[in-house]
Amino acid sequence: MANESGLSKADSKRALEGFLTTVSKELKNGGKLTLVGHGTYQVVEKAERQGVNPQTKAPIKIAAKKVVKFKPGAEFTSW
């Protein structure tokens, strides 16, 4: 990242950490973050579902949870 941007490694690290902090804060607030050309980050809720314990083969309940979904933008889908 530092080589491509022309920034020092320390500046690149701060820029990346700032970006990740901003994305995390927005998603924690239930928002949606769109970066034109890059893609869209969004929190989605996964419903509770049935699973199987691989050791015992016993059915288990997998709790509902929130996950981050990333949809790539045009720049990533047109390789």
PDB file of N, CA and C in Angstrom:
ATOM      1  N   MET A   1       0.831  -1.182   0.000  1.00  0.00           N
ATOM      2  CA  MET A   1       0.000   0.000   0.000  1.00  0.00           C
ATOM      3  C   MET A   1       0.879   1.250   0.000  1.00  0.00           C
ATOM      4  N   ALA A   2       1.944   1.218   0.786  1.00  0.00           N
ATOM      5  CA  ALA A   2       2.827   2.380   0.862  1.00  0.00           C
ATOM      6  C   ALA A   2       3.501   2.635  -0.482  1.00  0.00           C
ATOM      7  N   ASN A   3       3.958   1.581  -1.140  1.00  0.00           N
ATOM      8  CA  ASN A   3       4.626   1.741  -2.432  1.00  0.00           C
ATOM      9  C   ASN A   3       3.698   2.327  -3.495  1.00  0.00           C
ATOM     10  N   GLU A   4       2.463   1.848  -3.535  1.00  0.00           N
ATOM     11  CA  GLU A   4       1.498   2.301  -4.544  1.00  0.00           C
ATOM     12  C   GLU A   4       1.054   3.743  -4.322  1.00  0.00           C
ATOM     13  N   SER A   5       0.948   4.153  -3.066  1.00  0.00           N
ATOM     14  CA  SER A   5       0.419   5.480  -2.759  1.00  0.00           C
ATOM     15  C   SER A   5       1.490   6.566  -2.676  1.00  0.00           C
ATOM     16  N   GLY A   6       2.734   6.151  -2.505  1.00  0.00           N
ATOM     17  CA  GLY A   6       3.794   7.128  -2.342  1.00  0.00           C
ATOM     18  C   GLY A   6       3.897   7.659  -0.919  1.00  0.00           C
ATOM     19  N   LEU A   7       3.109   7.069  -0.013  1.00  0.00           N
ATOM     20  CA  LEU A   7       3.144   7.464   1.390  1.00  0.00           C
ATOM     21  C   LEU A   7       4.169   6.612   2.128  1.00  0.00           C
ATOM     22  N   SER A   8       4.585   7.084   3.292  1.00  0.00           N
ATOM     23  CA  SER A   8       5.465   6.270   4.118  1.00  0.00           C
ATOM     24  C   SER A   8       4.655   5.106   4.686  1.00  0.00           C
ATOM     25  N   LYS A   9       5.340   4.106   5.201  1.00  0.00           N
ATOM     26  CA  LYS A   9       4.643   2.965   5.786  1.00  0.00           C
ATOM     27  C   LYS A   9       3.806   3.406   6.987  1.00  0.00           C
ATOM     28  N   ALA A  10       4.333   4.326   7.781  1.00  0.00           N
ATOM     29  CA  ALA A  10       3.601   4.818   8.956  1.00  0.00           C
ATOM     30  C   ALA A  10       2.334   5.560   8.539  1.00  0.00           C
ATOM     31  N   ASP A  11       2.443   6.412   7.506  1.00  0.00           N
ATOM     32  CA  ASP A  11       1.265   7.148   7.017  1.00  0.00           C
ATOM     33  C   ASP A  11       0.246   6.196   6.406  1.00  0.00           C
ATOM     34  N   SER A  12       0.723   5.195   5.683  1.00  0.00           N
ATOM     35  CA  SER A  12      -0.178   4.206   5.093  1.00  0.00           C
ATOM     36  C   SER A  12      -0.930   3.445   6.171  1.00  0.00           C
ATOM     37  N   LYS A  13      -0.207   3.092   7.232  1.00  0.00           N
ATOM     38  CA  LYS A  13      -0.837   2.370   8.341  1.00  0.00           C
ATOM     39  C   LYS A  13      -1.921   3.227   8.995  1.00  0.00           C
ATOM     40  N   ARG A  14      -1.622   4.508   9.228  1.00  0.00           N
ATOM     41  CA  ARG A  14      -2.615   5.412   9.836  1.00  0.00           C
ATOM     42  C   ARG A  14      -3.825   5.589   8.923  1.00  0.00           C
ATOM     43  N   ALA A  15      -3.592   5.690   7.620  1.00  0.00           N
ATOM     44  CA  ALA A  15      -4.702   5.849   6.681  1.00  0.00           C
ATOM     45  C   ALA A  15      -5.591   4.611   6.679  1.00  0.00           C
ATOM     46  N   LEU A  16      -4.974   3.430   6.662  1.00  0.00           N
ATOM     47  CA  LEU A  16      -5.748   2.190   6.677  1.00  0.00           C
ATOM     48  C   LEU A  16      -6.521   2.041   7.975  1.00  0.00           C
ATOM     49  N   GLU A  17      -5.890   2.326   9.108  1.00  0.00           N
ATOM     50  CA  GLU A  17      -6.568   2.238  10.398  1.00  0.00           C
ATOM     51  C   GLU A  17      -7.726   3.234  10.475  1.00  0.00           C
ATOM     52  N   GLY A  18      -7.533   4.431   9.930  1.00  0.00           N
ATOM     53  CA  GLY A  18      -8.606   5.421   9.900  1.00  0.00           C
ATOM     54  C   GLY A  18      -9.776   4.954   9.060  1.00  0.00           C
ATOM     55  N   PHE A  19      -9.475   4.356   7.922  1.00  0.00           N
ATOM     56  CA  PHE A  19     -10.525   3.824   7.052  1.00  0.00           C
ATOM     57  C   PHE A  19     -11.303   2.724   7.766  1.00  0.00           C
ATOM     58  N   LEU A  20     -10.596   1.768   8.360  1.00  0.00           N
ATOM     59  CA  LEU A  20     -11.258   0.660   9.037  1.00  0.00           C
ATOM     60  C   LEU A  20     -12.076   1.132  10.236  1.00  0.00           C
ATOM     61  N   THR A  21     -11.586   2.131  10.960  1.00  0.00           N
ATOM     62  CA  THR A  21     -12.335   2.687  12.087  1.00  0.00           C
ATOM     63  C   THR A  21     -13.626   3.339  11.610  1.00  0.00           C
ATOM     64  N   THR A  22     -13.546   4.087  10.517  1.00  0.00           N
ATOM     65  CA  THR A  22     -14.725   4.749   9.965  1.00  0.00           C
ATOM     66  C   THR A  22     -15.761   3.727   9.504  1.00  0.00           C
ATOM     67  N   VAL A  23     -15.308   2.690   8.806  1.00  0.00           N
ATOM     68  CA  VAL A  23     -16.219   1.639   8.339  1.00  0.00           C
ATOM     69  C   VAL A  23     -16.867   0.957   9.533  1.00  0.00           C
ATOM     70  N   SER A  24     -16.082   0.606  10.546  1.00  0.00           N
ATOM     71  CA  SER A  24     -16.615  -0.072  11.733  1.00  0.00           C
ATOM     72  C   SER A  24     -17.663   0.771  12.445  1.00  0.00           C
ATOM     73  N   LYS A  25     -17.376   2.055  12.641  1.00  0.00           N
ATOM     74  CA  LYS A  25     -18.330   2.936  13.329  1.00  0.00           C
ATOM     75  C   LYS A  25     -19.640   3.029  12.559  1.00  0.00           C
ATOM     76  N   GLU A  26     -19.553   3.198  11.258  1.00  0.00           N
ATOM     77  CA  GLU A  26     -20.764   3.331  10.444  1.00  0.00           C
ATOM     78  C   GLU A  26     -21.593   2.051  10.494  1.00  0.00           C
ATOM     79  N   LEU A  27     -20.935   0.909  10.398  1.00  0.00           N
ATOM     80  CA  LEU A  27     -21.659  -0.362  10.399  1.00  0.00           C
ATOM     81  C   LEU A  27     -22.234  -0.671  11.775  1.00  0.00           C
ATOM     82  N   LYS A  28     -21.544  -0.293  12.848  1.00  0.00           N
ATOM     83  CA  LYS A  28     -22.068  -0.520  14.195  1.00  0.00           C
ATOM     84  C   LYS A  28     -23.332   0.297  14.433  1.00  0.00           C
ATOM     85  N   ASN A  29     -23.433   1.443  13.774  1.00  0.00           N
ATOM     86  CA  ASN A  29     -24.625   2.286  13.894  1.00  0.00           C
ATOM     87  C   ASN A  29     -25.738   1.822  12.966  1.00  0.00           C
ATOM     88  N   GLY A  30     -25.544   0.678  12.333  1.00  0.00           N
ATOM     89  CA  GLY A  30     -26.578   0.127  11.467  1.00  0.00           C
ATOM     90  C   GLY A  30     -26.604   0.741  10.089  1.00  0.00           C
ATOM     91  N   GLY A  31     -25.571   1.478   9.751  1.00  0.00           N
ATOM     92  CA  GLY A  31     -25.538   2.156   8.467  1.00  0.00           C
ATOM     93  C   GLY A  31     -25.059   1.286   7.330  1.00  0.00           C
ATOM     94  N   LYS A  32     -24.935   1.938   6.201  1.00  0.00           N
ATOM     95  CA  LYS A  32     -24.485   1.303   4.976  1.00  0.00           C
ATOM     96  C   LYS A  32     -23.418   2.224   4.410  1.00  0.00           C
ATOM     97  N   LEU A  33     -22.304   1.673   4.000  1.00  0.00           N
ATOM     98  CA  LEU A  33     -21.211   2.486   3.512  1.00  0.00           C
ATOM     99  C   LEU A  33     -20.916   2.115   2.064  1.00  0.00           C
ATOM    100  N   THR A  34     -21.040   3.093   1.165  1.00  0.00           N
ATOM    101  CA  THR A  34     -20.776   2.867  -0.249  1.00  0.00           C
ATOM    102  C   THR A  34     -19.571   3.673  -0.676  1.00  0.00           C
ATOM    103  N   LEU A  35     -18.601   3.007  -1.261  1.00  0.00           N
ATOM    104  CA  LEU A  35     -17.424   3.654  -1.820  1.00  0.00           C
ATOM    105  C   LEU A  35     -17.493   3.458  -3.334  1.00  0.00           C
ATOM    106  N   VAL A  36     -17.712   4.525  -4.050  1.00  0.00           N
ATOM    107  CA  VAL A  36     -17.905   4.446  -5.494  1.00  0.00           C
ATOM    108  C   VAL A  36     -16.707   3.770  -6.146  1.00  0.00           C
ATOM    109  N   GLY A  37     -16.990   2.772  -6.965  1.00  0.00           N
ATOM    110  CA  GLY A  37     -15.948   2.030  -7.647  1.00  0.00           C
ATOM    111  C   GLY A  37     -15.393   0.880  -6.833  1.00  0.00           C
ATOM    112  N   HIS A  38     -15.460   0.981  -5.519  1.00  0.00           N
ATOM    113  CA  HIS A  38     -14.925  -0.071  -4.634  1.00  0.00           C
ATOM    114  C   HIS A  38     -16.010  -1.076  -4.276  1.00  0.00           C
ATOM    115  N   GLY A  39     -17.094  -0.587  -3.681  1.00  0.00           N
ATOM    116  CA  GLY A  39     -18.180  -1.477  -3.294  1.00  0.00           C
ATOM    117  C   GLY A  39     -18.973  -0.936  -2.131  1.00  0.00           C
ATOM    118  N   THR A  40     -19.862  -1.784  -1.614  1.00  0.00           N
ATOM    119  CA  THR A  40     -20.765  -1.401  -0.542  1.00  0.00           C
ATOM    120  C   THR A  40     -20.637  -2.377   0.624  1.00  0.00           C
ATOM    121  N   TYR A  41     -20.502  -1.823   1.815  1.00  0.00           N
ATOM    122  CA  TYR A  41     -20.486  -2.602   3.055  1.00  0.00           C
ATOM    123  C   TYR A  41     -21.831  -2.386   3.728  1.00  0.00           C
ATOM    124  N   GLN A  42     -22.443  -3.472   4.200  1.00  0.00           N
ATOM    125  CA  GLN A  42     -23.754  -3.360   4.831  1.00  0.00           C
ATOM    126  C   GLN A  42     -23.901  -4.464   5.869  1.00  0.00           C
ATOM    127  N   VAL A  43     -24.579  -4.145   6.978  1.00  0.00           N
ATOM    128  CA  VAL A  43     -24.858  -5.143   8.006  1.00  0.00           C
ATOM    129  C   VAL A  43     -26.178  -5.818   7.656  1.00  0.00           C
ATOM    130  N   VAL A  44     -26.172  -7.150   7.663  1.00  0.00           N
ATOM    131  CA  VAL A  44     -27.396  -7.917   7.423  1.00  0.00           C
ATOM    132  C   VAL A  44     -27.594  -8.879   8.594  1.00  0.00           C
ATOM    133  N   GLU A  45     -28.840  -9.231   8.849  1.00  0.00           N
ATOM    134  CA  GLU A  45     -29.154 -10.159   9.926  1.00  0.00           C
ATOM    135  C   GLU A  45     -29.367 -11.548   9.353  1.00  0.00           C
ATOM    136  N   LYS A  46     -28.668 -12.520   9.933  1.00  0.00           N
ATOM    137  CA  LYS A  46     -28.847 -13.908   9.535  1.00  0.00           C
ATOM    138  C   LYS A  46     -29.797 -14.544  10.539  1.00  0.00           C
ATOM    139  N   ALA A  47     -30.773 -15.254  10.050  1.00  0.00           N
ATOM    140  CA  ALA A  47     -31.772 -15.875  10.908  1.00  0.00           C
ATOM    141  C   ALA A  47     -31.187 -17.076  11.647  1.00  0.00           C
ATOM    142  N   GLU A  48     -31.849 -17.440  12.731  1.00  0.00           N
ATOM    143  CA  GLU A  48     -31.466 -18.649  13.456  1.00  0.00           C
ATOM    144  C   GLU A  48     -31.670 -19.837  12.525  1.00  0.00           C
ATOM    145  N   ARG A  49     -30.787 -20.840  12.640  1.00  0.00           N
ATOM    146  CA  ARG A  49     -30.914 -21.989  11.752  1.00  0.00           C
ATOM    147  C   ARG A  49     -30.435 -23.253  12.447  1.00  0.00           C
ATOM    148  N   GLN A  50     -30.759 -24.376  11.851  1.00  0.00           N
ATOM    149  CA  GLN A  50     -30.347 -25.667  12.370  1.00  0.00           C
ATOM    150  C   GLN A  50     -28.983 -26.035  11.787  1.00  0.00           C
ATOM    151  N   GLY A  51     -28.153 -26.635  12.597  1.00  0.00           N
ATOM    152  CA  GLY A  51     -26.860 -27.120  12.158  1.00  0.00           C
ATOM    153  C   GLY A  51     -26.633 -28.513  12.705  1.00  0.00           C
ATOM    154  N   VAL A  52     -25.458 -29.077  12.424  1.00  0.00           N
ATOM    155  CA  VAL A  52     -25.126 -30.410  12.890  1.00  0.00           C
ATOM    156  C   VAL A  52     -23.746 -30.371  13.530  1.00  0.00           C
ATOM    157  N   ASN A  53     -23.645 -30.930  14.738  1.00  0.00           N
ATOM    158  CA  ASN A  53     -22.358 -31.074  15.391  1.00  0.00           C
ATOM    159  C   ASN A  53     -21.576 -32.130  14.612  1.00  0.00           C
ATOM    160  N   PRO A  54     -20.419 -31.772  14.031  1.00  0.00           N
ATOM    161  CA  PRO A  54     -19.703 -32.728  13.192  1.00  0.00           C
ATOM    162  C   PRO A  54     -19.147 -33.942  13.953  1.00  0.00           C
ATOM    163  N   GLN A  55     -18.926 -33.808  15.256  1.00  0.00           N
ATOM    164  CA  GLN A  55     -18.390 -34.941  16.018  1.00  0.00           C
ATOM    165  C   GLN A  55     -19.474 -35.934  16.409  1.00  0.00           C
ATOM    166  N   THR A  56     -20.611 -35.397  16.864  1.00  0.00           N
ATOM    167  CA  THR A  56     -21.669 -36.284  17.372  1.00  0.00           C
ATOM    168  C   THR A  56     -22.821 -36.469  16.394  1.00  0.00           C
ATOM    169  N   LYS A  57     -22.846 -35.667  15.367  1.00  0.00           N
ATOM    170  CA  LYS A  57     -23.934 -35.667  14.368  1.00  0.00           C
ATOM    171  C   LYS A  57     -25.270 -35.257  14.973  1.00  0.00           C
ATOM    172  N   ALA A  58     -25.240 -34.695  16.171  1.00  0.00           N
ATOM    173  CA  ALA A  58     -26.461 -34.245  16.837  1.00  0.00           C
ATOM    174  C   ALA A  58     -26.867 -32.886  16.273  1.00  0.00           C
ATOM    175  N   PRO A  59     -28.168 -32.663  16.114  1.00  0.00           N
ATOM    176  CA  PRO A  59     -28.622 -31.349  15.626  1.00  0.00           C
ATOM    177  C   PRO A  59     -28.386 -30.276  16.686  1.00  0.00           C
ATOM    178  N   ILE A  60     -27.987 -29.102  16.231  1.00  0.00           N
ATOM    179  CA  ILE A  60     -27.780 -27.971  17.132  1.00  0.00           C
ATOM    180  C   ILE A  60     -28.442 -26.745  16.529  1.00  0.00           C
ATOM    181  N   LYS A  61     -28.746 -25.784  17.387  1.00  0.00           N
ATOM    182  CA  LYS A  61     -29.321 -24.516  16.948  1.00  0.00           C
ATOM    183  C   LYS A  61     -28.201 -23.502  16.800  1.00  0.00           C
ATOM    184  N   ILE A  62     -28.128 -22.868  15.654  1.00  0.00           N
ATOM    185  CA  ILE A  62     -27.153 -21.801  15.438  1.00  0.00           C
ATOM    186  C   ILE A  62     -27.909 -20.490  15.602  1.00  0.00           C
ATOM    187  N   ALA A  63     -27.480 -19.688  16.547  1.00  0.00           N
ATOM    188  CA  ALA A  63     -28.193 -18.458  16.905  1.00  0.00           C
ATOM    189  C   ALA A  63     -28.185 -17.447  15.757  1.00  0.00           C
ATOM    190  N   ALA A  64     -29.190 -16.588  15.777  1.00  0.00           N
ATOM    191  CA  ALA A  64     -29.254 -15.482  14.818  1.00  0.00           C
ATOM    192  C   ALA A  64     -28.108 -14.527  15.111  1.00  0.00           C
ATOM    193  N   LYS A  65     -27.599 -13.881  14.072  1.00  0.00           N
ATOM    194  CA  LYS A  65     -26.509 -12.935  14.273  1.00  0.00           C
ATOM    195  C   LYS A  65     -26.468 -11.924  13.145  1.00  0.00           C
ATOM    196  N   LYS A  66     -25.728 -10.860  13.385  1.00  0.00           N
ATOM    197  CA  LYS A  66     -25.515  -9.836  12.378  1.00  0.00           C
ATOM    198  C   LYS A  66     -24.145 -10.057  11.762  1.00  0.00           C
ATOM    199  N   VAL A  67     -24.067  -9.941  10.441  1.00  0.00           N
ATOM    200  CA  VAL A  67     -22.800 -10.105   9.736  1.00  0.00           C
ATOM    201  C   VAL A  67     -22.628  -8.954   8.742  1.00  0.00           C
ATOM    202  N   VAL A  68     -21.388  -8.694   8.367  1.00  0.00           N
ATOM    203  CA  VAL A  68     -21.100  -7.657   7.386  1.00  0.00           C
ATOM    204  C   VAL A  68     -21.085  -8.295   6.005  1.00  0.00           C
ATOM    205  N   LYS A  69     -21.811  -7.670   5.103  1.00  0.00           N
ATOM    206  CA  LYS A  69     -21.878  -8.141   3.729  1.00  0.00           C
ATOM    207  C   LYS A  69     -21.169  -7.112   2.847  1.00  0.00           C
ATOM    208  N   PHE A  70     -20.347  -7.589   1.931  1.00  0.00           N
ATOM    209  CA  PHE A  70     -19.653  -6.700   1.004  1.00  0.00           C
ATOM    210  C   PHE A  70     -20.084  -7.033  -0.407  1.00  0.00           C
ATOM    211  N   LYS A  71     -20.524  -6.020  -1.121  1.00  0.00           N
ATOM    212  CA  LYS A  71     -20.895  -6.187  -2.524  1.00  0.00           C
ATOM    213  C   LYS A  71     -19.883  -5.394  -3.347  1.00  0.00           C
ATOM    214  N   PRO A  72     -19.056  -6.076  -4.141  1.00  0.00           N
ATOM    215  CA  PRO A  72     -18.029  -5.367  -4.909  1.00  0.00           C
ATOM    216  C   PRO A  72     -18.624  -4.432  -5.950  1.00  0.00           C
ATOM    217  N   GLY A  73     -17.924  -3.331  -6.168  1.00  0.00           N
ATOM    218  CA  GLY A  73     -18.347  -2.369  -7.178  1.00  0.00           C
ATOM    219  C   GLY A  73     -17.874  -2.785  -8.555  1.00  0.00           C
ATOM    220  N   ALA A  74     -18.147  -1.941  -9.540  1.00  0.00           N
ATOM    221  CA  ALA A  74     -17.838  -2.236 -10.937  1.00  0.00           C
ATOM    222  C   ALA A  74     -16.346  -2.454 -11.168  1.00  0.00           C
ATOM    223  N   GLU A  75     -15.508  -1.744 -10.433  1.00  0.00           N
ATOM    224  CA  GLU A  75     -14.067  -1.871 -10.608  1.00  0.00           C
ATOM    225  C   GLU A  75     -13.559  -3.277 -10.306  1.00  0.00           C
ATOM    226  N   PHE A  76     -14.215  -3.961  -9.360  1.00  0.00           N
ATOM    227  CA  PHE A  76     -13.796  -5.307  -8.990  1.00  0.00           C
ATOM    228  C   PHE A  76     -14.482  -6.392  -9.829  1.00  0.00           C
ATOM    229  N   THR A  77     -15.602  -6.095 -10.410  1.00  0.00           N
ATOM    230  CA  THR A  77     -16.344  -7.127 -11.141  1.00  0.00           C
ATOM    231  C   THR A  77     -16.009  -7.140 -12.627  1.00  0.00           C
ATOM    232  N   SER A  78     -15.246  -6.202 -13.112  1.00  0.00           N
ATOM    233  CA  SER A  78     -14.964  -6.146 -14.547  1.00  0.00           C
ATOM    234  C   SER A  78     -13.501  -6.427 -14.850  1.00  0.00           C
ATOM    235  N   TRP A  79     -12.957  -7.480 -14.287  1.00  0.00           N
ATOM    236  CA  TRP A  79     -11.560  -7.827 -14.537  1.00  0.00           C
ATOM    237  C   TRP A  79     -11.471  -8.521 -15.827  1.00  0.00           C
TER     238      TRP A  79
END
